[in-house]
Amino acid sequence: MAEVIDALLLARRVLCAQIARLDLRVQALAKAVAPCRRLMTVPGVGPITALAYVTAIDDPGRFREGRNVGAYLGLTPRHYQSGEVDRAGRISKCGDGLVRTLLFEAAGTVLG
């Protein structure tokens, strides 16, 4: 039994070392990109959120207004209108799901 546990502990140590190495690479990449550095000054936005956002937006010049970015990411509410009925529903979820999730987590950190 001890041999099995030792093998599992060794595998865990190797995985932890690899995760730490990859984490340092992601942080270095985020620090090398100016928009990511600016985004990481916002509380709750880390290197992964910043990189995902910058990657999803790519060229910010293609959006005329800031609210168009929210629509591109699927963060605008669905709108149902028929006759006298006018409802705003859930978010449309049309854009990148990972970026939307990461931005939701960052907003929760800011609000909490």
PDB file of N, CA and C in Angstrom:
ATOM      1  N   MET A   1       0.819  -1.196   0.000  1.00  0.00           N
ATOM      2  CA  MET A   1       0.000   0.000   0.000  1.00  0.00           C
ATOM      3  C   MET A   1       0.868   1.266   0.000  1.00  0.00           C
ATOM      4  N   ALA A   2       1.986   1.203   0.690  1.00  0.00           N
ATOM      5  CA  ALA A   2       2.873   2.357   0.782  1.00  0.00           C
ATOM      6  C   ALA A   2       3.445   2.721  -0.591  1.00  0.00           C
ATOM      7  N   GLU A   3       3.725   1.703  -1.418  1.00  0.00           N
ATOM      8  CA  GLU A   3       4.260   1.977  -2.756  1.00  0.00           C
ATOM      9  C   GLU A   3       3.241   2.728  -3.612  1.00  0.00           C
ATOM     10  N   VAL A   4       1.994   2.337  -3.511  1.00  0.00           N
ATOM     11  CA  VAL A   4       0.935   2.990  -4.280  1.00  0.00           C
ATOM     12  C   VAL A   4       0.783   4.438  -3.838  1.00  0.00           C
ATOM     13  N   ILE A   5       0.779   4.663  -2.527  1.00  0.00           N
ATOM     14  CA  ILE A   5       0.634   6.029  -2.003  1.00  0.00           C
ATOM     15  C   ILE A   5       1.838   6.883  -2.387  1.00  0.00           C
ATOM     16  N   ASP A   6       3.037   6.308  -2.319  1.00  0.00           N
ATOM     17  CA  ASP A   6       4.234   7.057  -2.730  1.00  0.00           C
ATOM     18  C   ASP A   6       4.162   7.445  -4.206  1.00  0.00           C
ATOM     19  N   ALA A   7       3.694   6.542  -5.046  1.00  0.00           N
ATOM     20  CA  ALA A   7       3.569   6.836  -6.481  1.00  0.00           C
ATOM     21  C   ALA A   7       2.546   7.952  -6.711  1.00  0.00           C
ATOM     22  N   LEU A   8       1.433   7.901  -5.985  1.00  0.00           N
ATOM     23  CA  LEU A   8       0.422   8.956  -6.116  1.00  0.00           C
ATOM     24  C   LEU A   8       0.943  10.303  -5.629  1.00  0.00           C
ATOM     25  N   LEU A   9       1.686  10.297  -4.540  1.00  0.00           N
ATOM     26  CA  LEU A   9       2.251  11.546  -4.025  1.00  0.00           C
ATOM     27  C   LEU A   9       3.282  12.130  -4.988  1.00  0.00           C
ATOM     28  N   LEU A  10       4.064  11.261  -5.615  1.00  0.00           N
ATOM     29  CA  LEU A  10       5.033  11.723  -6.611  1.00  0.00           C
ATOM     30  C   LEU A  10       4.315  12.347  -7.808  1.00  0.00           C
ATOM     31  N   ALA A  11       3.258  11.678  -8.279  1.00  0.00           N
ATOM     32  CA  ALA A  11       2.481  12.222  -9.395  1.00  0.00           C
ATOM     33  C   ALA A  11       1.873  13.574  -9.021  1.00  0.00           C
ATOM     34  N   ARG A  12       1.398  13.700  -7.799  1.00  0.00           N
ATOM     35  CA  ARG A  12       0.830  14.982  -7.336  1.00  0.00           C
ATOM     36  C   ARG A  12       1.891  16.076  -7.320  1.00  0.00           C
ATOM     37  N   ARG A  13       3.092  15.749  -6.832  1.00  0.00           N
ATOM     38  CA  ARG A  13       4.179  16.737  -6.799  1.00  0.00           C
ATOM     39  C   ARG A  13       4.532  17.213  -8.205  1.00  0.00           C
ATOM     40  N   VAL A  14       4.605  16.266  -9.150  1.00  0.00           N
ATOM     41  CA  VAL A  14       4.937  16.619 -10.535  1.00  0.00           C
ATOM     42  C   VAL A  14       3.847  17.514 -11.124  1.00  0.00           C
ATOM     43  N   LEU A  15       2.576  17.159 -10.898  1.00  0.00           N
ATOM     44  CA  LEU A  15       1.470  17.983 -11.400  1.00  0.00           C
ATOM     45  C   LEU A  15       1.483  19.376 -10.787  1.00  0.00           C
ATOM     46  N   CYS A  16       1.730  19.460  -9.497  1.00  0.00           N
ATOM     47  CA  CYS A  16       1.781  20.779  -8.839  1.00  0.00           C
ATOM     48  C   CYS A  16       2.908  21.633  -9.413  1.00  0.00           C
ATOM     49  N   ALA A  17       4.043  21.022  -9.700  1.00  0.00           N
ATOM     50  CA  ALA A  17       5.169  21.759 -10.289  1.00  0.00           C
ATOM     51  C   ALA A  17       4.810  22.253 -11.685  1.00  0.00           C
ATOM     52  N   GLN A  18       4.162  21.408 -12.478  1.00  0.00           N
ATOM     53  CA  GLN A  18       3.759  21.808 -13.835  1.00  0.00           C
ATOM     54  C   GLN A  18       2.725  22.935 -13.786  1.00  0.00           C
ATOM     55  N   ILE A  19       1.762  22.836 -12.873  1.00  0.00           N
ATOM     56  CA  ILE A  19       0.753  23.888 -12.740  1.00  0.00           C
ATOM     57  C   ILE A  19       1.402  25.203 -12.349  1.00  0.00           C
ATOM     58  N   ALA A  20       2.348  25.165 -11.432  1.00  0.00           N
ATOM     59  CA  ALA A  20       3.047  26.384 -11.015  1.00  0.00           C
ATOM     60  C   ALA A  20       3.821  26.993 -12.182  1.00  0.00           C
ATOM     61  N   ARG A  21       4.471  26.137 -12.979  1.00  0.00           N
ATOM     62  CA  ARG A  21       5.231  26.628 -14.137  1.00  0.00           C
ATOM     63  C   ARG A  21       4.311  27.278 -15.168  1.00  0.00           C
ATOM     64  N   LEU A  22       3.176  26.632 -15.464  1.00  0.00           N
ATOM     65  CA  LEU A  22       2.229  27.195 -16.421  1.00  0.00           C
ATOM     66  C   LEU A  22       1.596  28.484 -15.895  1.00  0.00           C
ATOM     67  N   ASP A  23       1.334  28.537 -14.597  1.00  0.00           N
ATOM     68  CA  ASP A  23       0.775  29.741 -13.992  1.00  0.00           C
ATOM     69  C   ASP A  23       1.731  30.923 -14.152  1.00  0.00           C
ATOM     70  N   LEU A  24       3.015  30.685 -13.957  1.00  0.00           N
ATOM     71  CA  LEU A  24       4.009  31.747 -14.153  1.00  0.00           C
ATOM     72  C   LEU A  24       4.053  32.207 -15.606  1.00  0.00           C
ATOM     73  N   ARG A  25       3.913  31.274 -16.543  1.00  0.00           N
ATOM     74  CA  ARG A  25       3.914  31.645 -17.967  1.00  0.00           C
ATOM     75  C   ARG A  25       2.701  32.492 -18.323  1.00  0.00           C
ATOM     76  N   VAL A  26       1.529  32.137 -17.779  1.00  0.00           N
ATOM     77  CA  VAL A  26       0.315  32.923 -18.041  1.00  0.00           C
ATOM     78  C   VAL A  26       0.463  34.324 -17.455  1.00  0.00           C
ATOM     79  N   GLN A  27       0.996  34.425 -16.235  1.00  0.00           N
ATOM     80  CA  GLN A  27       1.200  35.743 -15.624  1.00  0.00           C
ATOM     81  C   GLN A  27       2.186  36.577 -16.429  1.00  0.00           C
ATOM     82  N   ALA A  28       3.257  35.966 -16.904  1.00  0.00           N
ATOM     83  CA  ALA A  28       4.241  36.699 -17.703  1.00  0.00           C
ATOM     84  C   ALA A  28       3.635  37.174 -19.020  1.00  0.00           C
ATOM     85  N   LEU A  29       2.828  36.335 -19.640  1.00  0.00           N
ATOM     86  CA  LEU A  29       2.174  36.718 -20.896  1.00  0.00           C
ATOM     87  C   LEU A  29       1.211  37.878 -20.672  1.00  0.00           C
ATOM     88  N   ALA A  30       0.437  37.818 -19.605  1.00  0.00           N
ATOM     89  CA  ALA A  30      -0.513  38.894 -19.315  1.00  0.00           C
ATOM     90  C   ALA A  30       0.209  40.206 -19.000  1.00  0.00           C
ATOM     91  N   LYS A  31       1.331  40.124 -18.323  1.00  0.00           N
ATOM     92  CA  LYS A  31       2.087  41.336 -18.004  1.00  0.00           C
ATOM     93  C   LYS A  31       2.768  41.928 -19.237  1.00  0.00           C
ATOM     94  N   ALA A  32       2.994  41.117 -20.257  1.00  0.00           N
ATOM     95  CA  ALA A  32       3.651  41.594 -21.473  1.00  0.00           C
ATOM     96  C   ALA A  32       2.701  42.349 -22.392  1.00  0.00           C
ATOM     97  N   VAL A  33       1.391  42.195 -22.210  1.00  0.00           N
ATOM     98  CA  VAL A  33       0.396  42.839 -23.073  1.00  0.00           C
ATOM     99  C   VAL A  33      -0.201  44.028 -22.329  1.00  0.00           C
ATOM    100  N   ALA A  34      -0.069  45.227 -22.903  1.00  0.00           N
ATOM    101  CA  ALA A  34      -0.494  46.459 -22.222  1.00  0.00           C
ATOM    102  C   ALA A  34      -1.988  46.464 -21.847  1.00  0.00           C
ATOM    103  N   PRO A  35      -2.915  46.081 -22.737  1.00  0.00           N
ATOM    104  CA  PRO A  35      -4.331  46.078 -22.312  1.00  0.00           C
ATOM    105  C   PRO A  35      -4.599  45.113 -21.149  1.00  0.00           C
ATOM    106  N   CYS A  36      -3.887  44.003 -21.109  1.00  0.00           N
ATOM    107  CA  CYS A  36      -4.057  43.063 -20.004  1.00  0.00           C
ATOM    108  C   CYS A  36      -3.573  43.681 -18.691  1.00  0.00           C
ATOM    109  N   ARG A  37      -2.453  44.394 -18.743  1.00  0.00           N
ATOM    110  CA  ARG A  37      -1.954  45.059 -17.531  1.00  0.00           C
ATOM    111  C   ARG A  37      -2.973  46.055 -17.006  1.00  0.00           C
ATOM    112  N   ARG A  38      -3.603  46.810 -17.920  1.00  0.00           N
ATOM    113  CA  ARG A  38      -4.628  47.776 -17.493  1.00  0.00           C
ATOM    114  C   ARG A  38      -5.845  47.075 -16.907  1.00  0.00           C
ATOM    115  N   LEU A  39      -6.269  45.996 -17.532  1.00  0.00           N
ATOM    116  CA  LEU A  39      -7.436  45.266 -17.027  1.00  0.00           C
ATOM    117  C   LEU A  39      -7.167  44.644 -15.655  1.00  0.00           C
ATOM    118  N   MET A  40      -5.947  44.222 -15.424  1.00  0.00           N
ATOM    119  CA  MET A  40      -5.624  43.585 -14.145  1.00  0.00           C
ATOM    120  C   MET A  40      -5.579  44.574 -12.989  1.00  0.00           C
ATOM    121  N   THR A  41      -5.657  45.871 -13.263  1.00  0.00           N
ATOM    122  CA  THR A  41      -5.749  46.842 -12.173  1.00  0.00           C
ATOM    123  C   THR A  41      -7.149  46.880 -11.579  1.00  0.00           C
ATOM    124  N   VAL A  42      -8.132  46.319 -12.283  1.00  0.00           N
ATOM    125  CA  VAL A  42      -9.508  46.245 -11.785  1.00  0.00           C
ATOM    126  C   VAL A  42      -9.574  45.123 -10.752  1.00  0.00           C
ATOM    127  N   PRO A  43     -10.177  45.367  -9.586  1.00  0.00           N
ATOM    128  CA  PRO A  43     -10.285  44.289  -8.597  1.00  0.00           C
ATOM    129  C   PRO A  43     -11.090  43.108  -9.159  1.00  0.00           C
ATOM    130  N   GLY A  44     -10.584  41.914  -8.939  1.00  0.00           N
ATOM    131  CA  GLY A  44     -11.274  40.714  -9.389  1.00  0.00           C
ATOM    132  C   GLY A  44     -10.854  40.235 -10.762  1.00  0.00           C
ATOM    133  N   VAL A  45     -10.080  41.035 -11.483  1.00  0.00           N
ATOM    134  CA  VAL A  45      -9.624  40.638 -12.821  1.00  0.00           C
ATOM    135  C   VAL A  45      -8.165  40.200 -12.715  1.00  0.00           C
ATOM    136  N   GLY A  46      -7.951  38.935 -12.992  1.00  0.00           N
ATOM    137  CA  GLY A  46      -6.606  38.377 -12.955  1.00  0.00           C
ATOM    138  C   GLY A  46      -6.079  38.165 -14.357  1.00  0.00           C
ATOM    139  N   PRO A  47      -4.949  37.494 -14.470  1.00  0.00           N
ATOM    140  CA  PRO A  47      -4.338  37.306 -15.785  1.00  0.00           C
ATOM    141  C   PRO A  47      -5.197  36.471 -16.738  1.00  0.00           C
ATOM    142  N   ILE A  48      -5.886  35.466 -16.251  1.00  0.00           N
ATOM    143  CA  ILE A  48      -6.690  34.622 -17.140  1.00  0.00           C
ATOM    144  C   ILE A  48      -7.881  35.405 -17.678  1.00  0.00           C
ATOM    145  N   THR A  49      -8.564  36.150 -16.805  1.00  0.00           N
ATOM    146  CA  THR A  49      -9.700  36.960 -17.247  1.00  0.00           C
ATOM    147  C   THR A  49      -9.249  38.021 -18.238  1.00  0.00           C
ATOM    148  N   ALA A  50      -8.139  38.690 -17.942  1.00  0.00           N
ATOM    149  CA  ALA A  50      -7.635  39.733 -18.833  1.00  0.00           C
ATOM    150  C   ALA A  50      -7.256  39.170 -20.195  1.00  0.00           C
ATOM    151  N   LEU A  51      -6.548  38.052 -20.202  1.00  0.00           N
ATOM    152  CA  LEU A  51      -6.154  37.443 -21.480  1.00  0.00           C
ATOM    153  C   LEU A  51      -7.368  36.969 -22.271  1.00  0.00           C
ATOM    154  N   ALA A  52      -8.346  36.385 -21.596  1.00  0.00           N
ATOM    155  CA  ALA A  52      -9.544  35.916 -22.298  1.00  0.00           C
ATOM    156  C   ALA A  52     -10.304  37.087 -22.907  1.00  0.00           C
ATOM    157  N   TYR A  53     -10.422  38.187 -22.170  1.00  0.00           N
ATOM    158  CA  TYR A  53     -11.148  39.357 -22.662  1.00  0.00           C
ATOM    159  C   TYR A  53     -10.429  39.987 -23.856  1.00  0.00           C
ATOM    160  N   VAL A  54      -9.127  40.183 -23.723  1.00  0.00           N
ATOM    161  CA  VAL A  54      -8.353  40.799 -24.809  1.00  0.00           C
ATOM    162  C   VAL A  54      -8.371  39.902 -26.049  1.00  0.00           C
ATOM    163  N   THR A  55      -8.312  38.607 -25.856  1.00  0.00           N
ATOM    164  CA  THR A  55      -8.360  37.681 -26.983  1.00  0.00           C
ATOM    165  C   THR A  55      -9.726  37.694 -27.658  1.00  0.00           C
ATOM    166  N   ALA A  56     -10.790  37.767 -26.867  1.00  0.00           N
ATOM    167  CA  ALA A  56     -12.142  37.762 -27.440  1.00  0.00           C
ATOM    168  C   ALA A  56     -12.434  39.051 -28.198  1.00  0.00           C
ATOM    169  N   ILE A  57     -11.985  40.177 -27.671  1.00  0.00           N
ATOM    170  CA  ILE A  57     -12.261  41.473 -28.306  1.00  0.00           C
ATOM    171  C   ILE A  57     -11.355  41.689 -29.511  1.00  0.00           C
ATOM    172  N   ASP A  58     -10.109  41.277 -29.431  1.00  0.00           N
ATOM    173  CA  ASP A  58      -9.132  41.355 -30.506  1.00  0.00           C
ATOM    174  C   ASP A  58      -8.863  42.799 -30.928  1.00  0.00           C
ATOM    175  N   ASP A  59      -9.707  43.401 -31.737  1.00  0.00           N
ATOM    176  CA  ASP A  59      -9.513  44.770 -32.215  1.00  0.00           C
ATOM    177  C   ASP A  59     -10.653  45.639 -31.682  1.00  0.00           C
ATOM    178  N   PRO A  60     -10.403  46.450 -30.632  1.00  0.00           N
ATOM    179  CA  PRO A  60     -11.491  47.253 -30.069  1.00  0.00           C
ATOM    180  C   PRO A  60     -12.002  48.328 -31.019  1.00  0.00           C
ATOM    181  N   GLY A  61     -11.262  48.661 -32.050  1.00  0.00           N
ATOM    182  CA  GLY A  61     -11.683  49.678 -33.002  1.00  0.00           C
ATOM    183  C   GLY A  61     -12.896  49.289 -33.828  1.00  0.00           C
ATOM    184  N   ARG A  62     -13.217  48.010 -33.848  1.00  0.00           N
ATOM    185  CA  ARG A  62     -14.371  47.577 -34.642  1.00  0.00           C
ATOM    186  C   ARG A  62     -15.699  47.823 -33.942  1.00  0.00           C
ATOM    187  N   PHE A  63     -15.671  48.255 -32.681  1.00  0.00           N
ATOM    188  CA  PHE A  63     -16.896  48.569 -31.953  1.00  0.00           C
ATOM    189  C   PHE A  63     -17.055  50.086 -31.883  1.00  0.00           C
ATOM    190  N   ARG A  64     -18.203  50.586 -32.315  1.00  0.00           N
ATOM    191  CA  ARG A  64     -18.437  52.030 -32.279  1.00  0.00           C
ATOM    192  C   ARG A  64     -18.629  52.542 -30.865  1.00  0.00           C
ATOM    193  N   GLU A  65     -19.357  51.774 -30.046  1.00  0.00           N
ATOM    194  CA  GLU A  65     -19.664  52.187 -28.680  1.00  0.00           C
ATOM    195  C   GLU A  65     -19.307  51.058 -27.724  1.00  0.00           C
ATOM    196  N   GLY A  66     -19.085  51.421 -26.477  1.00  0.00           N
ATOM    197  CA  GLY A  66     -18.750  50.424 -25.470  1.00  0.00           C
ATOM    198  C   GLY A  66     -19.847  49.404 -25.237  1.00  0.00           C
ATOM    199  N   ARG A  67     -21.098  49.828 -25.372  1.00  0.00           N
ATOM    200  CA  ARG A  67     -22.195  48.882 -25.120  1.00  0.00           C
ATOM    201  C   ARG A  67     -22.270  47.800 -26.198  1.00  0.00           C
ATOM    202  N   ASN A  68     -21.679  48.047 -27.339  1.00  0.00           N
ATOM    203  CA  ASN A  68     -21.648  47.023 -28.384  1.00  0.00           C
ATOM    204  C   ASN A  68     -20.766  45.835 -27.990  1.00  0.00           C
ATOM    205  N   VAL A  69     -19.778  46.091 -27.140  1.00  0.00           N
ATOM    206  CA  VAL A  69     -18.922  45.006 -26.661  1.00  0.00           C
ATOM    207  C   VAL A  69     -19.747  44.050 -25.810  1.00  0.00           C
ATOM    208  N   GLY A  70     -20.617  44.606 -24.945  1.00  0.00           N
ATOM    209  CA  GLY A  70     -21.493  43.765 -24.132  1.00  0.00           C
ATOM    210  C   GLY A  70     -22.403  42.905 -24.987  1.00  0.00           C
ATOM    211  N   ALA A  71     -22.937  43.487 -26.043  1.00  0.00           N
ATOM    212  CA  ALA A  71     -23.796  42.720 -26.956  1.00  0.00           C
ATOM    213  C   ALA A  71     -22.992  41.638 -27.672  1.00  0.00           C
ATOM    214  N   TYR A  72     -21.768  41.944 -28.049  1.00  0.00           N
ATOM    215  CA  TYR A  72     -20.909  40.976 -28.729  1.00  0.00           C
ATOM    216  C   TYR A  72     -20.614  39.776 -27.827  1.00  0.00           C
ATOM    217  N   LEU A  73     -20.467  40.033 -26.526  1.00  0.00           N
ATOM    218  CA  LEU A  73     -20.180  38.960 -25.582  1.00  0.00           C
ATOM    219  C   LEU A  73     -21.437  38.266 -25.067  1.00  0.00           C
ATOM    220  N   GLY A  74     -22.608  38.734 -25.481  1.00  0.00           N
ATOM    221  CA  GLY A  74     -23.851  38.102 -25.062  1.00  0.00           C
ATOM    222  C   GLY A  74     -24.327  38.555 -23.706  1.00  0.00           C
ATOM    223  N   LEU A  75     -23.957  39.759 -23.280  1.00  0.00           N
ATOM    224  CA  LEU A  75     -24.331  40.267 -21.964  1.00  0.00           C
ATOM    225  C   LEU A  75     -25.523  41.215 -21.995  1.00  0.00           C
ATOM    226  N   THR A  76     -26.196  41.313 -23.119  1.00  0.00           N
ATOM    227  CA  THR A  76     -27.375  42.175 -23.194  1.00  0.00           C
ATOM    228  C   THR A  76     -28.620  41.329 -22.973  1.00  0.00           C
ATOM    229  N   PRO A  77     -29.639  41.902 -22.326  1.00  0.00           N
ATOM    230  CA  PRO A  77     -30.838  41.092 -22.075  1.00  0.00           C
ATOM    231  C   PRO A  77     -31.642  40.877 -23.350  1.00  0.00           C
ATOM    232  N   ARG A  78     -32.266  39.711 -23.420  1.00  0.00           N
ATOM    233  CA  ARG A  78     -33.186  39.456 -24.518  1.00  0.00           C
ATOM    234  C   ARG A  78     -34.383  40.362 -24.341  1.00  0.00           C
ATOM    235  N   HIS A  79     -34.927  40.767 -25.447  1.00  0.00           N
ATOM    236  CA  HIS A  79     -36.068  41.664 -25.384  1.00  0.00           C
ATOM    237  C   HIS A  79     -37.229  41.037 -26.135  1.00  0.00           C
ATOM    238  N   TYR A  80     -38.383  40.961 -25.462  1.00  0.00           N
ATOM    239  CA  TYR A  80     -39.577  40.415 -26.103  1.00  0.00           C
ATOM    240  C   TYR A  80     -40.621  41.512 -26.125  1.00  0.00           C
ATOM    241  N   GLN A  81     -41.123  41.819 -27.304  1.00  0.00           N
ATOM    242  CA  GLN A  81     -42.114  42.880 -27.433  1.00  0.00           C
ATOM    243  C   GLN A  81     -43.182  42.435 -28.422  1.00  0.00           C
ATOM    244  N   SER A  82     -44.429  42.458 -27.957  1.00  0.00           N
ATOM    245  CA  SER A  82     -45.542  42.079 -28.808  1.00  0.00           C
ATOM    246  C   SER A  82     -46.789  42.792 -28.294  1.00  0.00           C
ATOM    247  N   GLY A  83     -47.307  43.681 -29.081  1.00  0.00           N
ATOM    248  CA  GLY A  83     -48.485  44.444 -28.650  1.00  0.00           C
ATOM    249  C   GLY A  83     -48.172  45.285 -27.430  1.00  0.00           C
ATOM    250  N   GLU A  84     -48.903  45.053 -26.347  1.00  0.00           N
ATOM    251  CA  GLU A  84     -48.667  45.807 -25.119  1.00  0.00           C
ATOM    252  C   GLU A  84     -47.622  45.151 -24.222  1.00  0.00           C
ATOM    253  N   VAL A  85     -47.211  43.946 -24.563  1.00  0.00           N
ATOM    254  CA  VAL A  85     -46.231  43.219 -23.757  1.00  0.00           C
ATOM    255  C   VAL A  85     -44.830  43.690 -24.143  1.00  0.00           C
ATOM    256  N   ASP A  86     -44.050  44.069 -23.147  1.00  0.00           N
ATOM    257  CA  ASP A  86     -42.681  44.525 -23.373  1.00  0.00           C
ATOM    258  C   ASP A  86     -41.835  44.012 -22.208  1.00  0.00           C
ATOM    259  N   ARG A  87     -41.083  42.931 -22.442  1.00  0.00           N
ATOM    260  CA  ARG A  87     -40.314  42.303 -21.371  1.00  0.00           C
ATOM    261  C   ARG A  87     -38.836  42.264 -21.717  1.00  0.00           C
ATOM    262  N   ALA A  88     -38.032  42.492 -20.699  1.00  0.00           N
ATOM    263  CA  ALA A  88     -36.596  42.254 -20.816  1.00  0.00           C
ATOM    264  C   ALA A  88     -36.317  40.944 -20.097  1.00  0.00           C
ATOM    265  N   GLY A  89     -35.732  39.996 -20.790  1.00  0.00           N
ATOM    266  CA  GLY A  89     -35.509  38.675 -20.218  1.00  0.00           C
ATOM    267  C   GLY A  89     -34.085  38.471 -19.755  1.00  0.00           C
ATOM    268  N   ARG A  90     -33.646  37.230 -19.807  1.00  0.00           N
ATOM    269  CA  ARG A  90     -32.286  36.875 -19.418  1.00  0.00           C
ATOM    270  C   ARG A  90     -31.292  37.386 -20.455  1.00  0.00           C
ATOM    271  N   ILE A  91     -30.011  37.279 -20.124  1.00  0.00           N
ATOM    272  CA  ILE A  91     -28.999  37.686 -21.100  1.00  0.00           C
ATOM    273  C   ILE A  91     -29.055  36.741 -22.294  1.00  0.00           C
ATOM    274  N   SER A  92     -28.646  37.241 -23.442  1.00  0.00           N
ATOM    275  CA  SER A  92     -28.821  36.476 -24.676  1.00  0.00           C
ATOM    276  C   SER A  92     -27.844  35.307 -24.812  1.00  0.00           C
ATOM    277  N   LYS A  93     -26.687  35.375 -24.186  1.00  0.00           N
ATOM    278  CA  LYS A  93     -25.676  34.309 -24.230  1.00  0.00           C
ATOM    279  C   LYS A  93     -25.218  33.996 -25.644  1.00  0.00           C
ATOM    280  N   CYS A  94     -25.084  35.011 -26.474  1.00  0.00           N
ATOM    281  CA  CYS A  94     -24.679  34.803 -27.864  1.00  0.00           C
ATOM    282  C   CYS A  94     -23.171  34.722 -28.052  1.00  0.00           C
ATOM    283  N   GLY A  95     -22.401  35.328 -27.175  1.00  0.00           N
ATOM    284  CA  GLY A  95     -20.964  35.436 -27.400  1.00  0.00           C
ATOM    285  C   GLY A  95     -20.164  34.312 -26.777  1.00  0.00           C
ATOM    286  N   ASP A  96     -18.939  34.630 -26.445  1.00  0.00           N
ATOM    287  CA  ASP A  96     -17.988  33.676 -25.870  1.00  0.00           C
ATOM    288  C   ASP A  96     -18.390  33.340 -24.430  1.00  0.00           C
ATOM    289  N   GLY A  97     -18.702  32.094 -24.179  1.00  0.00           N
ATOM    290  CA  GLY A  97     -19.172  31.671 -22.860  1.00  0.00           C
ATOM    291  C   GLY A  97     -18.115  31.775 -21.780  1.00  0.00           C
ATOM    292  N   LEU A  98     -16.856  31.463 -22.114  1.00  0.00           N
ATOM    293  CA  LEU A  98     -15.786  31.533 -21.124  1.00  0.00           C
ATOM    294  C   LEU A  98     -15.565  32.967 -20.662  1.00  0.00           C
ATOM    295  N   VAL A  99     -15.499  33.902 -21.596  1.00  0.00           N
ATOM    296  CA  VAL A  99     -15.284  35.306 -21.233  1.00  0.00           C
ATOM    297  C   VAL A  99     -16.452  35.816 -20.401  1.00  0.00           C
ATOM    298  N   ARG A 100     -17.662  35.445 -20.793  1.00  0.00           N
ATOM    299  CA  ARG A 100     -18.852  35.871 -20.047  1.00  0.00           C
ATOM    300  C   ARG A 100     -18.794  35.341 -18.614  1.00  0.00           C
ATOM    301  N   THR A 101     -18.400  34.092 -18.443  1.00  0.00           N
ATOM    302  CA  THR A 101     -18.289  33.499 -17.111  1.00  0.00           C
ATOM    303  C   THR A 101     -17.217  34.196 -16.291  1.00  0.00           C
ATOM    304  N   LEU A 102     -16.062  34.456 -16.890  1.00  0.00           N
ATOM    305  CA  LEU A 102     -14.975  35.108 -16.167  1.00  0.00           C
ATOM    306  C   LEU A 102     -15.351  36.538 -15.769  1.00  0.00           C
ATOM    307  N   LEU A 103     -16.043  37.261 -16.652  1.00  0.00           N
ATOM    308  CA  LEU A 103     -16.476  38.614 -16.317  1.00  0.00           C
ATOM    309  C   LEU A 103     -17.533  38.594 -15.210  1.00  0.00           C
ATOM    310  N   PHE A 104     -18.388  37.597 -15.221  1.00  0.00           N
ATOM    311  CA  PHE A 104     -19.385  37.449 -14.160  1.00  0.00           C
ATOM    312  C   PHE A 104     -18.697  37.210 -12.815  1.00  0.00           C
ATOM    313  N   GLU A 105     -17.677  36.356 -12.800  1.00  0.00           N
ATOM    314  CA  GLU A 105     -16.922  36.092 -11.575  1.00  0.00           C
ATOM    315  C   GLU A 105     -16.222  37.354 -11.085  1.00  0.00           C
ATOM    316  N   ALA A 106     -15.628  38.119 -12.009  1.00  0.00           N
ATOM    317  CA  ALA A 106     -14.942  39.355 -11.632  1.00  0.00           C
ATOM    318  C   ALA A 106     -15.932  40.369 -11.063  1.00  0.00           C
ATOM    319  N   ALA A 107     -17.119  40.465 -11.669  1.00  0.00           N
ATOM    320  CA  ALA A 107     -18.145  41.382 -11.163  1.00  0.00           C
ATOM    321  C   ALA A 107     -18.607  40.969  -9.774  1.00  0.00           C
ATOM    322  N   GLY A 108     -18.715  39.673  -9.539  1.00  0.00           N
ATOM    323  CA  GLY A 108     -19.083  39.187  -8.211  1.00  0.00           C
ATOM    324  C   GLY A 108     -18.052  39.553  -7.169  1.00  0.00           C
ATOM    325  N   THR A 109     -16.782  39.529  -7.557  1.00  0.00           N
ATOM    326  CA  THR A 109     -15.711  39.917  -6.635  1.00  0.00           C
ATOM    327  C   THR A 109     -15.809  41.404  -6.309  1.00  0.00           C
ATOM    328  N   VAL A 110     -16.066  42.214  -7.313  1.00  0.00           N
ATOM    329  CA  VAL A 110     -16.162  43.663  -7.100  1.00  0.00           C
ATOM    330  C   VAL A 110     -17.356  43.983  -6.202  1.00  0.00           C
ATOM    331  N   LEU A 111     -18.496  43.330  -6.456  1.00  0.00           N
ATOM    332  CA  LEU A 111     -19.706  43.615  -5.688  1.00  0.00           C
ATOM    333  C   LEU A 111     -19.639  43.050  -4.278  1.00  0.00           C
ATOM    334  N   GLY A 112     -18.906  41.963  -4.075  1.00  0.00           N
ATOM    335  CA  GLY A 112     -18.849  41.317  -2.768  1.00  0.00           C
ATOM    336  C   GLY A 112     -17.754  41.856  -1.971  1.00  0.00           C
TER     337      GLY A 112
END
